[in-house]
Protein backbone atom coordinates (compact mmCIF):
# COMPACT_ATOMS: atom_id res chain seq x y z
CA UNK A 1 38.21 -51.64 16.51
CA UNK A 2 40.52 -53.40 14.46
CA UNK A 3 39.71 -56.61 13.97
CA UNK A 4 42.37 -60.46 13.50
CA UNK A 5 41.54 -63.23 12.83
CA UNK A 6 43.96 -66.67 13.31
CA UNK A 7 42.94 -69.70 11.47
CA UNK A 8 43.15 -72.42 13.40
CA UNK A 9 44.09 -76.80 12.75
CA UNK A 10 44.50 -76.83 15.53
CA UNK A 11 47.94 -77.96 16.61
CA UNK A 12 51.15 -77.00 17.97
CA UNK A 13 52.14 -74.29 15.80
CA UNK A 14 48.17 -72.70 15.82
CA UNK A 15 48.16 -72.63 19.58
CA UNK A 16 51.13 -70.31 19.62
CA UNK A 17 50.09 -68.24 16.62
CA UNK A 18 46.31 -67.52 18.69
CA UNK A 19 48.63 -67.12 21.87
CA UNK A 20 50.35 -64.09 20.22
CA UNK A 21 47.19 -62.70 18.57
CA UNK A 22 45.38 -63.09 22.32
CA UNK A 23 48.38 -60.28 23.34
CA UNK A 24 49.20 -58.74 20.10
CA UNK A 25 44.62 -57.83 20.42
CA UNK A 26 45.46 -56.12 22.95
CA UNK A 27 48.49 -53.46 22.09
CA UNK A 28 45.40 -53.13 18.79
CA UNK A 29 42.10 -52.84 21.05
CA UNK A 30 41.34 -55.62 18.14
CA UNK A 31 38.58 -58.07 18.11
CA UNK A 32 39.98 -61.56 17.65
CA UNK A 33 37.74 -64.33 15.55
CA UNK A 34 39.58 -67.68 15.51
CA UNK A 35 38.25 -69.94 12.48
CA UNK A 36 38.74 -73.47 11.63
CA UNK A 37 37.91 -75.42 8.51
CA UNK A 38 36.44 -78.26 8.72
CA UNK A 39 37.22 -81.51 6.35
CA UNK A 40 35.98 -84.37 6.07
CA UNK A 41 37.34 -87.45 4.06
CA UNK A 42 34.78 -88.43 1.45
CA UNK A 43 35.13 -92.04 2.80
CA UNK A 44 33.34 -90.90 5.63
CA UNK A 45 30.75 -88.74 4.37
CA UNK A 46 29.89 -92.40 1.71
CA UNK A 47 28.70 -93.60 4.71
CA UNK A 48 25.56 -91.49 4.15
CA UNK A 49 22.66 -92.66 2.29
CA UNK A 50 20.89 -89.89 2.11
CA UNK A 51 21.74 -85.42 1.50
CA UNK A 52 20.49 -85.06 4.72
CA UNK A 53 22.16 -87.81 6.40
CA UNK A 54 24.87 -86.02 4.89
CA UNK A 55 24.21 -82.84 6.28
CA UNK A 56 24.21 -84.32 9.67
CA UNK A 57 27.46 -86.06 9.41
CA UNK A 58 28.68 -82.34 8.37
CA UNK A 59 26.26 -80.77 11.23
CA UNK A 60 27.87 -82.73 14.27
CA UNK A 61 31.52 -82.26 13.17
CA UNK A 62 31.18 -78.37 12.99
CA UNK A 63 29.18 -78.49 16.17
CA UNK A 64 31.98 -81.31 17.89
CA UNK A 65 34.94 -79.05 15.31
CA UNK A 66 33.32 -75.74 17.46
CA UNK A 67 33.57 -77.05 21.44
CA UNK A 68 36.96 -78.56 20.37
CA UNK A 69 37.91 -74.39 19.64
CA UNK A 70 36.49 -73.39 22.08
CA UNK A 71 38.20 -75.04 24.28
CA UNK A 72 41.45 -74.05 22.70
CA UNK A 73 40.83 -70.62 22.99
CA UNK A 74 39.48 -70.99 26.48
CA UNK A 75 42.75 -72.74 27.53
CA UNK A 76 44.38 -69.90 25.35
CA UNK A 77 43.59 -67.38 27.95
CA UNK A 78 44.18 -69.03 29.88
CA UNK A 79 47.92 -69.62 29.39
CA UNK A 80 48.29 -65.31 30.04
CA UNK A 81 45.71 -66.00 33.02
CA UNK A 82 43.36 -65.55 32.14
CA UNK A 83 40.41 -67.25 33.71
CA UNK A 84 37.29 -66.27 31.32
CA UNK A 85 37.10 -65.37 27.39
CA UNK A 86 36.63 -62.05 26.61
CA UNK A 87 33.52 -61.13 24.19
CA UNK A 88 35.80 -59.21 21.86
CA UNK A 89 36.77 -63.21 21.15
CA UNK A 90 34.27 -65.40 18.76
CA UNK A 91 34.48 -68.43 17.85
CA UNK A 92 33.16 -69.70 14.61
CA UNK A 93 33.59 -73.41 12.05
CA UNK A 94 32.22 -73.38 8.91
CA UNK A 95 32.98 -77.16 6.35
CA UNK A 96 34.73 -76.40 3.25
CA UNK A 97 37.12 -79.38 1.93
CA UNK A 98 38.48 -75.59 0.16
CA UNK A 99 40.64 -74.45 3.32
CA UNK A 100 42.08 -71.65 1.62
CA UNK A 101 39.58 -70.44 -0.18
CA UNK A 102 37.05 -70.68 2.72
CA UNK A 103 39.69 -68.91 5.07
CA UNK A 104 40.13 -65.95 2.48
CA UNK A 105 36.35 -65.99 2.27
CA UNK A 106 36.05 -65.60 6.38
CA UNK A 107 38.72 -62.84 7.03
CA UNK A 108 36.66 -60.75 3.59
CA UNK A 109 33.55 -61.45 4.63
CA UNK A 110 34.32 -60.86 9.11
CA UNK A 111 36.01 -57.31 7.90
CA UNK A 112 40.11 -58.84 9.27
CA UNK A 113 42.80 -56.36 9.08
CA UNK A 114 45.15 -58.85 10.18
CA UNK A 115 45.54 -62.69 9.66
CA UNK A 116 47.70 -64.43 12.45
CA UNK A 117 48.66 -67.94 11.83
CA UNK A 118 50.98 -70.01 12.81
CA UNK A 119 54.69 -71.47 11.03
CA UNK A 120 56.30 -75.20 11.66
CA UNK A 121 59.59 -73.79 13.23
CA UNK A 122 63.13 -74.07 12.10
CA UNK A 123 62.44 -78.02 11.21
CA UNK A 124 59.59 -77.33 8.98
CA UNK A 125 60.66 -74.19 7.56
CA UNK A 126 60.83 -75.68 3.78
CA UNK A 127 57.71 -76.67 4.80
CA UNK A 128 56.37 -73.46 5.24
CA UNK A 129 56.94 -71.32 2.15
CA UNK A 130 56.33 -74.29 -0.06
CA UNK A 131 53.30 -75.65 -0.63
CA UNK A 132 51.60 -74.79 3.68
CA UNK A 133 48.18 -73.09 3.76
CA UNK A 134 50.35 -70.57 5.46
CA UNK A 135 52.25 -69.89 2.97
CA UNK A 136 49.54 -69.87 0.27
CA UNK A 137 47.85 -67.07 2.66
CA UNK A 138 50.73 -64.89 2.15
CA UNK A 139 50.90 -65.12 -1.85
CA UNK A 140 46.45 -65.13 -2.22
CA UNK A 141 45.99 -62.77 0.28
CA UNK A 142 44.92 -59.29 0.08
CA UNK A 143 45.17 -58.25 3.78
CA UNK A 144 48.41 -58.99 5.81
CA UNK A 145 49.12 -62.14 6.93
CA UNK A 146 52.09 -62.39 10.41
CA UNK A 147 53.77 -66.14 10.47
CA UNK A 148 53.93 -67.04 13.85
CA UNK A 149 57.11 -69.23 14.87
CA UNK A 150 55.73 -72.04 16.29
CA UNK A 151 58.85 -71.25 19.57
CA UNK A 152 58.67 -67.64 19.42
CA UNK A 153 58.32 -66.19 22.85
CA UNK A 154 55.61 -63.73 22.61
CA UNK A 155 57.15 -59.82 22.66
CA UNK A 156 55.33 -56.40 22.70
CA UNK A 157 55.60 -54.98 19.50
CA UNK A 158 57.43 -52.16 19.44
CA UNK A 159 60.00 -52.50 16.84
CA UNK A 160 59.65 -53.14 13.38
CA UNK A 161 62.08 -53.81 10.72
CA UNK A 162 61.13 -53.20 6.82
CA UNK A 163 63.41 -54.68 4.56
CA UNK A 164 62.73 -53.19 1.36
CA UNK A 165 64.08 -51.90 -2.27
CA UNK A 166 63.09 -49.07 -1.75
CA UNK A 167 61.30 -49.22 -5.49
CA UNK A 168 57.42 -48.06 -4.72
CA UNK A 169 58.66 -47.65 -1.30
CA UNK A 170 55.65 -44.56 -0.90
CA UNK A 171 53.29 -46.97 -1.58
CA UNK A 172 54.56 -49.36 0.77
CA UNK A 173 54.55 -46.73 3.97
CA UNK A 174 50.75 -46.55 3.22
CA UNK A 175 50.09 -49.47 4.52
CA UNK A 176 52.95 -50.30 7.09
CA UNK A 177 52.59 -46.71 8.84
CA UNK A 178 49.06 -47.22 9.71
CA UNK A 179 49.79 -50.45 11.71
CA UNK A 180 52.89 -49.43 12.58
CA UNK A 181 50.74 -46.69 14.83
CA UNK A 182 47.59 -48.74 16.02
CA UNK A 183 51.24 -50.20 17.33
CA UNK A 184 53.33 -47.53 18.70
CA UNK A 185 56.03 -49.57 16.92
CA UNK A 186 59.54 -48.01 15.91
CA UNK A 187 60.33 -48.89 11.57
CA UNK A 188 63.75 -48.70 10.42
CA UNK A 189 63.27 -49.23 6.90
CA UNK A 190 66.09 -51.82 6.01
CA UNK A 191 68.45 -51.02 2.71
CA UNK A 192 71.47 -53.40 2.14
CA UNK A 193 73.47 -51.06 -0.25
CA UNK A 194 75.82 -53.36 -3.31
CA UNK A 195 77.01 -49.67 -4.29
CA UNK A 196 75.19 -49.79 -6.96
CA UNK A 197 74.51 -46.41 -9.34
CA UNK A 198 72.10 -43.94 -8.54
CA UNK A 199 72.14 -45.75 -5.19
CA UNK A 200 72.41 -42.45 -3.51
CA UNK A 201 70.08 -40.90 -5.26
CA UNK A 202 67.71 -43.59 -3.94
CA UNK A 203 68.32 -42.90 -1.07
CA UNK A 204 67.77 -39.74 -0.54
CA UNK A 205 64.56 -39.81 -2.11
CA UNK A 206 63.62 -42.85 0.38
CA UNK A 207 64.70 -40.25 3.32
CA UNK A 208 62.13 -37.68 1.50
CA UNK A 209 59.06 -40.14 1.81
CA UNK A 210 60.15 -40.89 4.66
CA UNK A 211 60.06 -37.96 6.07
CA UNK A 212 57.00 -36.97 3.97
CA UNK A 213 54.70 -40.38 6.04
CA UNK A 214 54.93 -37.78 9.31
CA UNK A 215 55.81 -40.76 11.51
CA UNK A 216 58.36 -39.95 13.41
CA UNK A 217 59.41 -43.80 14.61
CA UNK A 218 60.18 -43.81 10.95
CA UNK A 219 63.26 -43.93 10.19
CA UNK A 220 65.83 -45.68 6.96
CA UNK A 221 68.80 -47.54 7.70
CA UNK A 222 71.33 -48.58 5.24
CA UNK A 223 73.40 -51.59 5.34
CA UNK A 224 76.54 -51.54 3.58
CA UNK A 225 76.10 -54.84 1.53
CA UNK A 226 78.20 -58.16 1.12
CA UNK A 227 78.33 -59.83 -2.51
CA UNK A 228 80.45 -62.42 -0.26
CA UNK A 229 76.96 -63.57 1.82
CA UNK A 230 73.43 -64.16 0.53
CA UNK A 231 71.02 -61.42 1.60
CA UNK A 232 69.38 -64.00 3.84
CA UNK A 233 72.63 -64.31 6.11
CA UNK A 234 72.26 -60.26 6.13
CA UNK A 235 68.88 -60.18 7.00
CA UNK A 236 69.97 -62.73 9.47
CA UNK A 237 73.29 -61.10 10.77
CA UNK A 238 70.64 -57.64 11.12
CA UNK A 239 67.68 -59.45 13.12
CA UNK A 240 70.58 -60.93 15.53
CA UNK A 241 72.22 -57.78 15.99
CA UNK A 242 68.99 -55.06 16.11
CA UNK A 243 67.05 -57.06 17.77
CA UNK A 244 63.32 -56.28 15.69
CA UNK A 245 60.02 -57.80 17.27
CA UNK A 246 58.54 -58.44 13.70
CA UNK A 247 60.19 -58.45 10.06
CA UNK A 248 58.23 -56.61 7.63
CA UNK A 249 58.36 -58.14 3.74
CA UNK A 250 55.96 -57.04 0.61
CA UNK A 251 54.54 -60.19 -1.59
CA UNK A 252 55.44 -58.87 -5.33
CA UNK A 253 57.08 -59.12 -8.09
CA UNK A 254 60.95 -59.46 -8.06
CA UNK A 255 60.54 -58.07 -4.98
CA UNK A 256 63.12 -58.53 -1.50
CA UNK A 257 61.21 -60.79 -1.15
CA UNK A 258 61.79 -63.10 -4.31
CA UNK A 259 65.03 -62.96 -4.05
CA UNK A 260 64.72 -64.12 -0.54
CA UNK A 261 63.27 -67.11 -0.95
CA UNK A 262 64.04 -67.85 -4.54
CA UNK A 263 67.51 -67.41 -5.24
CA UNK A 264 69.15 -70.79 -3.59
CA UNK A 265 69.24 -69.22 -0.08
CA UNK A 266 69.97 -72.32 2.16
CA UNK A 267 67.34 -73.85 4.58
CA UNK A 268 69.18 -72.69 7.57
CA UNK A 269 69.76 -69.34 6.12
CA UNK A 270 65.98 -68.98 6.17
CA UNK A 271 65.21 -70.70 9.20
CA UNK A 272 67.50 -68.19 10.49
CA UNK A 273 65.81 -65.21 9.47
CA UNK A 274 62.21 -66.48 10.72
CA UNK A 275 63.21 -67.03 14.17
CA UNK A 276 60.95 -63.97 14.55
CA UNK A 277 57.56 -63.02 13.55
CA UNK A 278 56.92 -62.41 9.75
CA UNK A 279 54.58 -59.87 8.38
CA UNK A 280 53.63 -60.36 4.90
CA UNK A 281 52.10 -57.18 2.82
CA UNK A 282 50.53 -57.75 -0.22
CA UNK A 283 52.35 -54.76 -2.45
CA UNK A 284 49.20 -52.35 -3.98
């Protein structure tokens, strides 16, 4: 059984991610660990007159947050018409001022196969990419991170668009295909052809690598790229036309992901590209 970790700060976008994770866990036959990293201000802790009292403050806060977390989880299941929280769903609260570090530690110790987190939707997309806990998790986690837009309505994960520059495609498919298999999802490897020399050889080699996976639901789709449009706009148009349930990208040096984020793309273009869940893998 796979394990999905869902970090939460009790916000609306975290609730959206939790609701999505519940449905995804049914599709993947996975268990869910919902984790809240408790944080207490230095001002509140300064009221303690002894180490014992400080420990008590932290423990009381963890207990309060656990009750709040259990209520959030119960309401998330009720949203899908389920009155009882299944035994395969676990709630964990732990105090730590280093939220991302603690979340990564819990992900590793629980042997999570996937981290599902919420974004702030189009209005907060800049925060998502630059400085938020989700963006930091994507950059640092060796476990795949699935980012769910706050306004996204759940759809079964049946069609995956994998935007790739075809470099190290074989290694990337080794990570992606098992995820696709467990969800019985179609994978469309999306490549934008700018007419660069030797692209025909690259495309032919990619076709062979896809065939070598033995996954008959994986195919290569080559799009003639335009120099007059940003790459983000072209991805947006592809998403609008084909309506995939998820966009997959790999984080690595100078990858397609880097070009999408770092080469002057407008915020509105980026937000449009993230109207669907974004699944990020770390390149091995």
